[in-house]
Amino acid sequence: METIQKLKENTAIFLPKNGLEEKLNQAEKENRKLIIKLGFDPTAPDLHLGHAVVLKKLKQFQDLGHQIVILVGSFTARIGDPTGKNKSRKPLNAQEVQHNAETYIAQLSKIIDVEKAQIVFNSDWLDSLSFSEVIQIMSNITVAQLMQRNDFNKRFTENTPIAMHELVYPILQGFDSVKINADIEMGGTDQLFNCTMGRQLQETFKKSPQIVMCMPLLRGLDGKEKMSKSLNNIIGLTDEPNEMFGKTMSIPDDLILEFLELTTDFSAKEKQEIKNRLKEENPMNIKKIIAKNIISQYHDEMKADKAEDFFVNQFQNKNFAEKSFVPVLISSLDNKSDQMALIDLCAFIKNDITKSANRRLIESGAVQVNNLKITNPFELIELKKETKIKIGKRNFYELL
């Protein structure tokens, strides 16, 4: 009972409701491991904390001795998953799929034991299907069933085009479950429709239907949309400790409880103690606790401590001279005189934002030169060694 309760912790959707108990009892009677499926299309090569929500649940099953199957959508990625999109997703070529899949698998080892997991590629069976076989599989699903999917229904209602290949995608994902005899399919709540398609096709092929286990979608740093690289609101599993810490500290206060539940590995008792502290303490203190825990999971405790020290010194210590500065070589500025307009200097140094964005930072008082605030974008700055420049809240540079 305690094991089932632990496996159900933080889960958003179970289908059917008592399916987990039934599957565990069935596996015990048959003296076998459950086959737990997690599929992903390698559309981008970086995993983030949003992916980790599902992966850590997968790890719980693995620790209990069940068989984890990581299904790489090497075929379906060449189609493009429309889930959650208001337009067709760009398909990938075979080389992009292979590169991203290799990167994904390497990153999975941060959470699950890749050596014990089974990794399969759905191109192994989907590539070999004849067109008549594809038609036969599709004949088991009606258009009305496909239109129950929210994003398809929304696009149809709004007269936004839906290509035929997009309608085929969830059917092929469901057929993957048939091929690997999945007992459980896991995913985020946005994958509910695709996962239930697996149940339906398994029943059609006279197999025991998988249960569907969906985890909540972690919101990103903006506190609004789900964590997604395309929205630039992620904390990556391979981010450096200082970056992880800073990003976690930037989350809105109303995201603290969500991060506590879904990204940390504290015990239930520890989480409750932290929730109680949140009622009385500055939210920043709680964010620090969460940030250190996240870094400890994907790096180690020593790096977590150092990241906290760096953050405190860099962003809370008011002594400008003691900050850590990124060096900028004067010779790299490609400037013929020994002076440069502040707007041009900032645009060169901080080239990850537009020149107009740099100008707004200057005019709003967010830029300092040698600890002096300058609001005139065209003020000339002497290009001297050891000149220190702050751009925005977190960016410190020194001319060398």
Protein backbone atom coordinates (compact mmCIF):
# COMPACT_ATOMS: atom_id res chain seq x y z
CA MET A 1 0.00 0.00 0.00
CA GLU A 2 2.83 2.40 0.87
CA THR A 3 4.53 1.58 -2.44
CA ILE A 4 1.40 2.37 -4.44
CA GLN A 5 0.90 5.61 -2.51
CA LYS A 6 4.49 6.64 -3.30
CA LEU A 7 4.09 5.81 -6.99
CA LYS A 8 0.89 7.86 -7.16
CA GLU A 9 2.42 10.88 -5.43
CA ASN A 10 2.19 14.09 -7.50
CA THR A 11 0.53 12.22 -10.38
CA ALA A 12 -2.11 14.29 -12.20
CA ILE A 13 -4.02 11.59 -14.10
CA PHE A 14 -4.53 7.83 -13.68
CA LEU A 15 -6.52 5.96 -16.29
CA PRO A 16 -8.25 3.76 -15.23
CA LYS A 17 -8.42 4.86 -11.61
CA ASN A 18 -7.40 1.52 -10.03
CA GLY A 19 -5.27 0.43 -12.96
CA LEU A 20 -1.94 0.61 -11.12
CA GLU A 21 -3.02 -1.78 -8.39
CA GLU A 22 -4.36 -4.20 -11.01
CA LYS A 23 -1.17 -4.08 -13.08
CA LEU A 24 1.06 -4.62 -10.07
CA ASN A 25 -1.05 -7.59 -8.94
CA GLN A 26 -1.03 -9.00 -12.46
CA ALA A 27 2.76 -8.72 -12.72
CA GLU A 28 3.17 -10.40 -9.33
CA LYS A 29 0.93 -13.34 -10.33
CA GLU A 30 2.79 -13.77 -13.62
CA ASN A 31 6.16 -13.32 -11.89
CA ARG A 32 7.31 -10.67 -14.31
CA LYS A 33 8.33 -7.03 -14.46
CA LEU A 34 5.96 -4.33 -15.62
CA ILE A 35 6.92 -2.66 -18.89
CA ILE A 36 6.87 1.11 -18.36
CA LYS A 37 6.94 3.17 -21.54
CA LEU A 38 8.15 6.73 -21.91
CA GLY A 39 8.32 8.00 -25.45
CA PHE A 40 9.93 11.16 -26.70
CA ASP A 41 10.58 12.74 -30.05
CA PRO A 42 14.11 14.16 -30.07
CA THR A 43 12.99 17.54 -31.40
CA ALA A 44 15.55 19.50 -29.33
CA PRO A 45 18.72 18.15 -27.73
CA ASP A 46 18.32 19.53 -24.20
CA LEU A 47 16.39 18.15 -21.24
CA HIS A 48 15.09 20.44 -18.50
CA LEU A 49 13.34 20.24 -15.12
CA GLY A 50 9.99 19.83 -16.85
CA HIS A 51 11.19 16.55 -18.38
CA ALA A 52 12.61 15.55 -15.01
CA VAL A 53 9.13 15.49 -13.42
CA VAL A 54 8.25 12.43 -15.51
CA LEU A 55 11.75 10.94 -15.42
CA LYS A 56 11.90 10.92 -11.62
CA LYS A 57 8.58 9.07 -11.49
CA LEU A 58 10.02 6.62 -14.00
CA LYS A 59 13.02 6.17 -11.71
CA GLN A 60 10.71 5.07 -8.87
CA PHE A 61 9.44 2.19 -11.02
CA GLN A 62 12.98 1.32 -12.02
CA ASP A 63 14.09 1.20 -8.39
CA LEU A 64 11.30 -1.31 -7.75
CA GLY A 65 12.77 -3.58 -10.42
CA HIS A 66 10.37 -2.91 -13.29
CA GLN A 67 11.48 -2.61 -16.92
CA ILE A 68 11.79 0.93 -18.20
CA VAL A 69 11.49 1.31 -21.97
CA ILE A 70 12.66 4.62 -23.41
CA LEU A 71 11.04 4.86 -26.81
CA VAL A 72 12.81 7.25 -29.15
CA GLY A 73 10.47 8.58 -31.82
CA SER A 74 13.03 8.23 -34.57
CA PHE A 75 10.20 7.77 -37.09
CA THR A 76 7.53 10.04 -35.59
CA ALA A 77 10.00 12.93 -35.15
CA ARG A 78 10.24 12.93 -38.93
CA ILE A 79 6.49 13.60 -38.97
CA GLY A 80 6.22 16.24 -36.23
CA ASP A 81 4.10 15.96 -33.06
CA PRO A 82 1.27 18.55 -33.12
CA THR A 83 0.52 18.18 -29.38
CA GLY A 84 -0.19 21.54 -27.77
CA LYS A 85 0.55 23.42 -30.98
CA ASN A 86 -1.73 25.76 -32.89
CA LYS A 87 0.09 24.92 -36.10
CA SER A 88 1.98 22.03 -37.62
CA ARG A 89 5.35 21.25 -36.03
CA LYS A 90 8.34 21.16 -38.34
CA PRO A 91 9.54 17.58 -38.95
CA LEU A 92 13.21 16.68 -38.52
CA ASN A 93 15.55 14.92 -40.89
CA ALA A 94 17.26 11.64 -39.97
CA GLN A 95 20.58 13.31 -39.04
CA GLU A 96 18.89 15.77 -36.65
CA VAL A 97 16.94 12.93 -35.05
CA GLN A 98 20.10 10.86 -34.49
CA HIS A 99 22.08 13.76 -33.00
CA ASN A 100 19.30 14.83 -30.65
CA ALA A 101 18.55 11.25 -29.59
CA GLU A 102 22.18 10.64 -28.61
CA THR A 103 22.23 13.85 -26.56
CA TYR A 104 18.92 12.99 -24.87
CA ILE A 105 20.05 9.52 -23.89
CA ALA A 106 23.29 10.87 -22.39
CA GLN A 107 21.28 13.34 -20.28
CA LEU A 108 18.80 10.67 -19.13
CA SER A 109 21.62 9.17 -17.07
CA LYS A 110 21.35 12.14 -14.70
CA ILE A 111 18.10 10.61 -13.40
CA ILE A 112 17.60 7.01 -14.49
CA ASP A 113 19.99 4.07 -14.84
CA VAL A 114 20.35 4.03 -18.61
CA GLU A 115 22.26 0.73 -18.47
CA LYS A 116 19.21 -1.02 -17.00
CA ALA A 117 16.69 0.73 -19.24
CA GLN A 118 15.72 -0.63 -22.63
CA ILE A 119 16.08 1.97 -25.38
CA VAL A 120 14.16 1.34 -28.59
CA PHE A 121 13.59 3.33 -31.79
CA ASN A 122 10.15 3.26 -33.38
CA SER A 123 11.63 3.49 -36.86
CA ASP A 124 12.64 -0.16 -36.35
CA TRP A 125 9.01 -1.23 -36.94
CA LEU A 126 7.30 1.81 -38.46
CA ASP A 127 9.78 2.04 -41.36
CA SER A 128 8.94 -1.53 -42.36
CA LEU A 129 5.14 -1.10 -42.45
CA SER A 130 3.59 -1.30 -45.88
CA PHE A 131 1.07 1.35 -46.87
CA SER A 132 -1.76 -1.18 -46.67
CA GLU A 133 -0.70 -2.07 -43.11
CA VAL A 134 -0.76 1.62 -42.14
CA ILE A 135 -4.29 1.91 -43.58
CA GLN A 136 -5.38 -1.15 -41.62
CA ILE A 137 -4.09 0.35 -38.37
CA MET A 138 -5.78 3.68 -39.12
CA SER A 139 -9.08 1.92 -39.83
CA ASN A 140 -9.43 1.23 -36.10
CA ILE A 141 -9.73 4.95 -35.29
CA THR A 142 -12.51 7.31 -36.33
CA VAL A 143 -12.19 10.97 -37.29
CA ALA A 144 -14.62 11.81 -34.50
CA GLN A 145 -12.23 10.25 -31.98
CA LEU A 146 -9.30 12.25 -33.31
CA MET A 147 -11.30 15.47 -33.15
CA GLN A 148 -11.81 14.95 -29.42
CA ARG A 149 -8.22 16.04 -28.99
CA ASN A 150 -8.25 19.63 -27.77
CA ASP A 151 -5.65 21.10 -30.10
CA PHE A 152 -7.22 19.46 -33.18
CA ASN A 153 -10.68 20.60 -32.15
CA LYS A 154 -9.49 24.15 -31.49
CA ARG A 155 -7.72 24.43 -34.82
CA PHE A 156 -10.69 22.95 -36.67
CA THR A 157 -13.08 25.42 -34.99
CA GLU A 158 -10.77 28.33 -35.83
CA ASN A 159 -10.34 27.16 -39.44
CA THR A 160 -6.61 26.65 -38.88
CA PRO A 161 -5.26 24.00 -41.27
CA ILE A 162 -4.69 20.46 -39.95
CA ALA A 163 -2.53 18.35 -42.21
CA MET A 164 -3.33 14.65 -42.65
CA HIS A 165 0.07 13.55 -41.32
CA GLU A 166 -0.75 15.23 -37.98
CA LEU A 167 -3.86 13.09 -37.61
CA VAL A 168 -1.74 9.99 -38.16
CA TYR A 169 0.77 10.91 -35.44
CA PRO A 170 -1.22 9.85 -32.31
CA ILE A 171 -2.20 6.61 -34.06
CA LEU A 172 1.45 5.73 -34.67
CA GLN A 173 2.34 6.61 -31.07
CA GLY A 174 -0.41 4.30 -29.93
CA PHE A 175 0.88 1.53 -32.20
CA ASP A 176 4.26 1.82 -30.44
CA SER A 177 2.54 0.60 -27.26
CA VAL A 178 1.25 -2.41 -29.17
CA LYS A 179 4.74 -3.29 -30.41
CA ILE A 180 6.47 -3.13 -26.99
CA ASN A 181 3.54 -4.59 -24.98
CA ALA A 182 3.51 -1.60 -22.62
CA ASP A 183 1.80 -2.07 -19.25
CA ILE A 184 2.03 1.62 -18.35
CA GLU A 185 2.65 4.66 -20.52
CA MET A 186 3.89 7.81 -18.86
CA GLY A 187 3.95 11.41 -20.01
CA GLY A 188 2.82 14.90 -19.19
CA THR A 189 -0.86 15.79 -19.05
CA ASP A 190 -0.57 17.15 -22.59
CA GLN A 191 0.06 13.56 -23.76
CA LEU A 192 -3.20 12.15 -22.34
CA PHE A 193 -4.89 11.76 -25.72
CA ASN A 194 -1.90 10.09 -27.38
CA CYS A 195 -1.47 7.70 -24.44
CA THR A 196 -5.13 6.67 -24.44
CA MET A 197 -4.75 5.94 -28.14
CA GLY A 198 -2.26 3.27 -27.09
CA ARG A 199 -4.88 1.67 -24.83
CA GLN A 200 -7.41 1.57 -27.65
CA LEU A 201 -5.04 0.02 -30.19
CA GLN A 202 -3.78 -2.57 -27.71
CA GLU A 203 -7.37 -3.71 -27.15
CA THR A 204 -7.88 -3.84 -30.93
CA PHE A 205 -4.84 -6.11 -31.23
CA LYS A 206 -6.16 -8.34 -28.41
CA LYS A 207 -3.56 -7.20 -25.86
CA SER A 208 -4.00 -6.13 -22.26
CA PRO A 209 -4.48 -2.33 -22.39
CA GLN A 210 -1.84 -0.16 -20.78
CA ILE A 211 -2.69 2.20 -17.97
CA VAL A 212 -2.03 5.88 -18.54
CA MET A 213 -0.07 7.83 -15.95
CA CYS A 214 0.26 11.56 -16.61
CA MET A 215 2.39 13.93 -14.58
CA PRO A 216 1.65 17.66 -14.15
CA LEU A 217 3.32 20.11 -16.50
CA LEU A 218 5.88 22.22 -14.68
CA ARG A 219 5.52 25.91 -15.44
CA GLY A 220 8.61 27.72 -16.62
CA LEU A 221 10.48 30.69 -15.18
CA ASP A 222 7.79 33.10 -16.40
CA GLY A 223 5.26 31.39 -14.12
CA LYS A 224 2.73 31.18 -16.96
CA GLU A 225 3.54 28.75 -19.76
CA LYS A 226 4.83 25.20 -19.36
CA MET A 227 8.61 24.89 -19.24
CA SER A 228 9.78 24.79 -22.85
CA LYS A 229 13.02 25.56 -24.61
CA SER A 230 11.11 27.30 -27.41
CA LEU A 231 9.72 29.74 -24.82
CA ASN A 232 13.17 30.31 -23.26
CA ASN A 233 11.81 29.69 -19.75
CA ILE A 234 13.73 26.56 -18.76
CA ILE A 235 16.25 25.34 -16.21
CA GLY A 236 18.29 22.78 -18.13
CA LEU A 237 19.59 19.59 -16.53
CA THR A 238 23.04 20.47 -17.88
CA ASP A 239 23.00 24.12 -16.77
CA GLU A 240 25.98 25.18 -14.67
CA PRO A 241 25.32 25.48 -10.89
CA ASN A 242 25.48 29.28 -10.82
CA GLU A 243 23.02 29.47 -13.70
CA MET A 244 20.68 26.95 -12.06
CA PHE A 245 20.73 28.91 -8.81
CA GLY A 246 20.12 32.27 -10.45
CA LYS A 247 17.28 30.97 -12.60
CA THR A 248 15.56 29.34 -9.61
CA MET A 249 15.83 32.56 -7.63
CA SER A 250 14.10 34.38 -10.50
CA ILE A 251 10.86 32.36 -10.37
CA PRO A 252 7.71 34.22 -9.29
CA ASP A 253 6.72 33.66 -5.66
CA ASP A 254 3.51 31.89 -6.70
CA LEU A 255 5.63 29.19 -8.36
CA ILE A 256 7.49 28.25 -5.16
CA LEU A 257 5.10 25.49 -4.04
CA GLU A 258 5.00 23.99 -7.53
CA PHE A 259 8.79 23.87 -7.70
CA LEU A 260 8.95 22.45 -4.17
CA GLU A 261 6.61 19.58 -5.09
CA LEU A 262 7.84 18.79 -8.60
CA THR A 263 11.55 19.61 -8.75
CA THR A 264 12.97 18.76 -5.31
CA ASP A 265 13.68 15.38 -3.72
CA PHE A 266 12.78 16.36 -0.16
CA SER A 267 10.72 13.88 1.86
CA ALA A 268 7.02 14.59 2.43
CA LYS A 269 7.84 15.64 6.00
CA GLU A 270 10.60 18.02 4.86
CA LYS A 271 8.32 19.54 2.23
CA GLN A 272 5.67 20.23 4.86
CA GLU A 273 8.24 21.89 7.12
CA ILE A 274 9.34 24.11 4.24
CA LYS A 275 5.70 25.01 3.47
CA ASN A 276 5.26 26.05 7.10
CA ARG A 277 8.37 28.23 6.90
CA LEU A 278 7.04 29.87 3.74
CA LYS A 279 4.11 31.25 5.75
CA GLU A 280 6.48 33.17 8.03
CA GLU A 281 9.73 33.78 6.16
CA ASN A 282 10.87 35.82 3.19
CA PRO A 283 10.11 33.76 0.03
CA MET A 284 13.70 34.36 -1.08
CA ASN A 285 14.91 32.10 1.74
CA ILE A 286 12.70 29.26 0.49
CA LYS A 287 13.87 29.76 -3.10
CA LYS A 288 17.45 29.35 -1.89
CA ILE A 289 16.55 26.04 -0.23
CA ILE A 290 14.91 24.82 -3.45
CA ALA A 291 17.78 26.05 -5.63
CA LYS A 292 20.38 24.23 -3.53
CA ASN A 293 18.36 21.03 -3.60
CA ILE A 294 18.04 21.16 -7.39
CA ILE A 295 21.78 21.70 -7.83
CA SER A 296 22.57 18.88 -5.38
CA GLN A 297 20.52 16.50 -7.54
CA TYR A 298 22.21 17.32 -10.84
CA HIS A 299 25.67 18.32 -9.57
CA ASP A 300 26.56 17.90 -5.88
CA GLU A 301 26.14 19.59 -2.49
CA MET A 302 29.51 21.33 -2.58
CA LYS A 303 28.65 23.01 -5.89
CA ALA A 304 25.25 23.94 -4.46
CA ASP A 305 26.94 25.71 -1.53
CA LYS A 306 29.32 27.54 -3.88
CA ALA A 307 26.45 28.59 -6.13
CA GLU A 308 24.64 30.09 -3.14
CA ASP A 309 27.79 31.98 -2.09
CA PHE A 310 28.20 33.29 -5.65
CA PHE A 311 24.57 34.45 -5.78
CA VAL A 312 24.74 36.22 -2.42
CA ASN A 313 27.97 37.99 -3.33
CA GLN A 314 26.91 38.85 -6.87
CA PHE A 315 23.33 39.94 -6.34
CA GLN A 316 22.83 40.70 -2.65
CA ASN A 317 26.19 42.10 -1.61
CA LYS A 318 26.09 45.81 -2.37
CA ASN A 319 29.87 46.16 -2.59
CA PHE A 320 30.35 46.73 -6.33
CA ALA A 321 34.10 46.05 -6.27
CA GLU A 322 33.65 42.53 -4.86
CA LYS A 323 31.47 41.24 -7.70
CA SER A 324 32.68 38.61 -10.17
CA PHE A 325 33.30 40.28 -13.52
CA VAL A 326 33.38 38.73 -16.98
CA PRO A 327 36.50 39.94 -18.81
CA VAL A 328 36.12 41.88 -22.07
CA LEU A 329 39.26 42.50 -24.13
CA ILE A 330 39.58 46.11 -25.26
CA SER A 331 41.31 44.90 -28.42
CA SER A 332 38.19 42.95 -29.38
CA LEU A 333 36.01 46.08 -29.43
CA ASP A 334 37.19 47.03 -32.94
CA ASN A 335 37.08 50.73 -32.10
CA LYS A 336 39.59 53.16 -33.57
CA SER A 337 39.45 55.76 -30.79
CA ASP A 338 40.00 55.37 -27.06
CA GLN A 339 36.33 56.24 -26.40
CA MET A 340 33.04 54.59 -27.26
CA ALA A 341 29.38 55.56 -26.86
CA LEU A 342 27.85 53.64 -23.97
CA ILE A 343 25.05 52.24 -26.18
CA ASP A 344 27.61 50.80 -28.62
CA LEU A 345 29.73 49.39 -25.81
CA CYS A 346 26.72 47.70 -24.20
CA ALA A 347 25.50 46.36 -27.54
CA PHE A 348 28.90 44.79 -28.14
CA ILE A 349 29.26 43.31 -24.66
CA LYS A 350 25.69 42.11 -24.21
CA ASN A 351 24.88 40.97 -27.73
CA ASP A 352 22.24 38.43 -26.69
CA ILE A 353 19.66 41.26 -26.63
CA THR A 354 18.91 43.94 -29.20
CA LYS A 355 20.54 47.35 -29.28
CA SER A 356 17.19 48.97 -28.50
CA ALA A 357 16.84 46.70 -25.45
CA ASN A 358 20.30 47.81 -24.27
CA ARG A 359 19.22 51.42 -24.78
CA ARG A 360 16.15 50.90 -22.61
CA LEU A 361 18.35 49.44 -19.87
CA ILE A 362 20.59 52.51 -19.97
CA GLU A 363 17.73 55.01 -19.96
CA SER A 364 16.02 53.20 -17.07
CA GLY A 365 19.16 53.48 -14.92
CA ALA A 366 20.08 49.80 -15.10
CA VAL A 367 23.63 50.40 -16.39
CA GLN A 368 26.58 51.47 -14.25
CA VAL A 369 30.17 52.27 -15.17
CA ASN A 370 32.62 52.08 -12.26
CA ASN A 371 29.66 52.06 -9.86
CA LEU A 372 28.19 55.25 -11.39
CA LYS A 373 24.73 55.13 -12.96
CA ILE A 374 24.65 56.53 -16.50
CA THR A 375 21.34 57.19 -18.27
CA ASN A 376 22.61 58.84 -21.46
CA PRO A 377 23.06 56.14 -24.12
CA PHE A 378 25.48 58.33 -26.09
CA GLU A 379 27.79 59.29 -23.26
CA LEU A 380 31.37 58.52 -24.26
CA ILE A 381 33.16 55.94 -22.13
CA GLU A 382 36.95 55.82 -21.97
CA LEU A 383 38.21 52.39 -22.98
CA LYS A 384 40.60 51.90 -20.08
CA LYS A 385 41.71 48.69 -18.44
CA GLU A 386 39.87 47.70 -15.25
CA THR A 387 36.79 49.74 -16.22
CA LYS A 388 33.87 47.90 -14.63
CA ILE A 389 30.43 47.83 -16.23
CA LYS A 390 27.13 46.54 -14.87
CA ILE A 391 24.33 45.89 -17.39
CA GLY A 392 20.97 45.01 -15.85
CA LYS A 393 20.69 43.20 -12.53
CA ARG A 394 23.05 40.29 -13.05
CA ASN A 395 25.62 41.12 -15.71
CA PHE A 396 29.04 42.41 -14.61
CA TYR A 397 31.95 43.03 -16.99
CA GLU A 398 35.49 44.38 -16.80
CA LEU A 399 37.58 45.81 -19.63
CA LEU A 400 41.02 44.23 -19.94
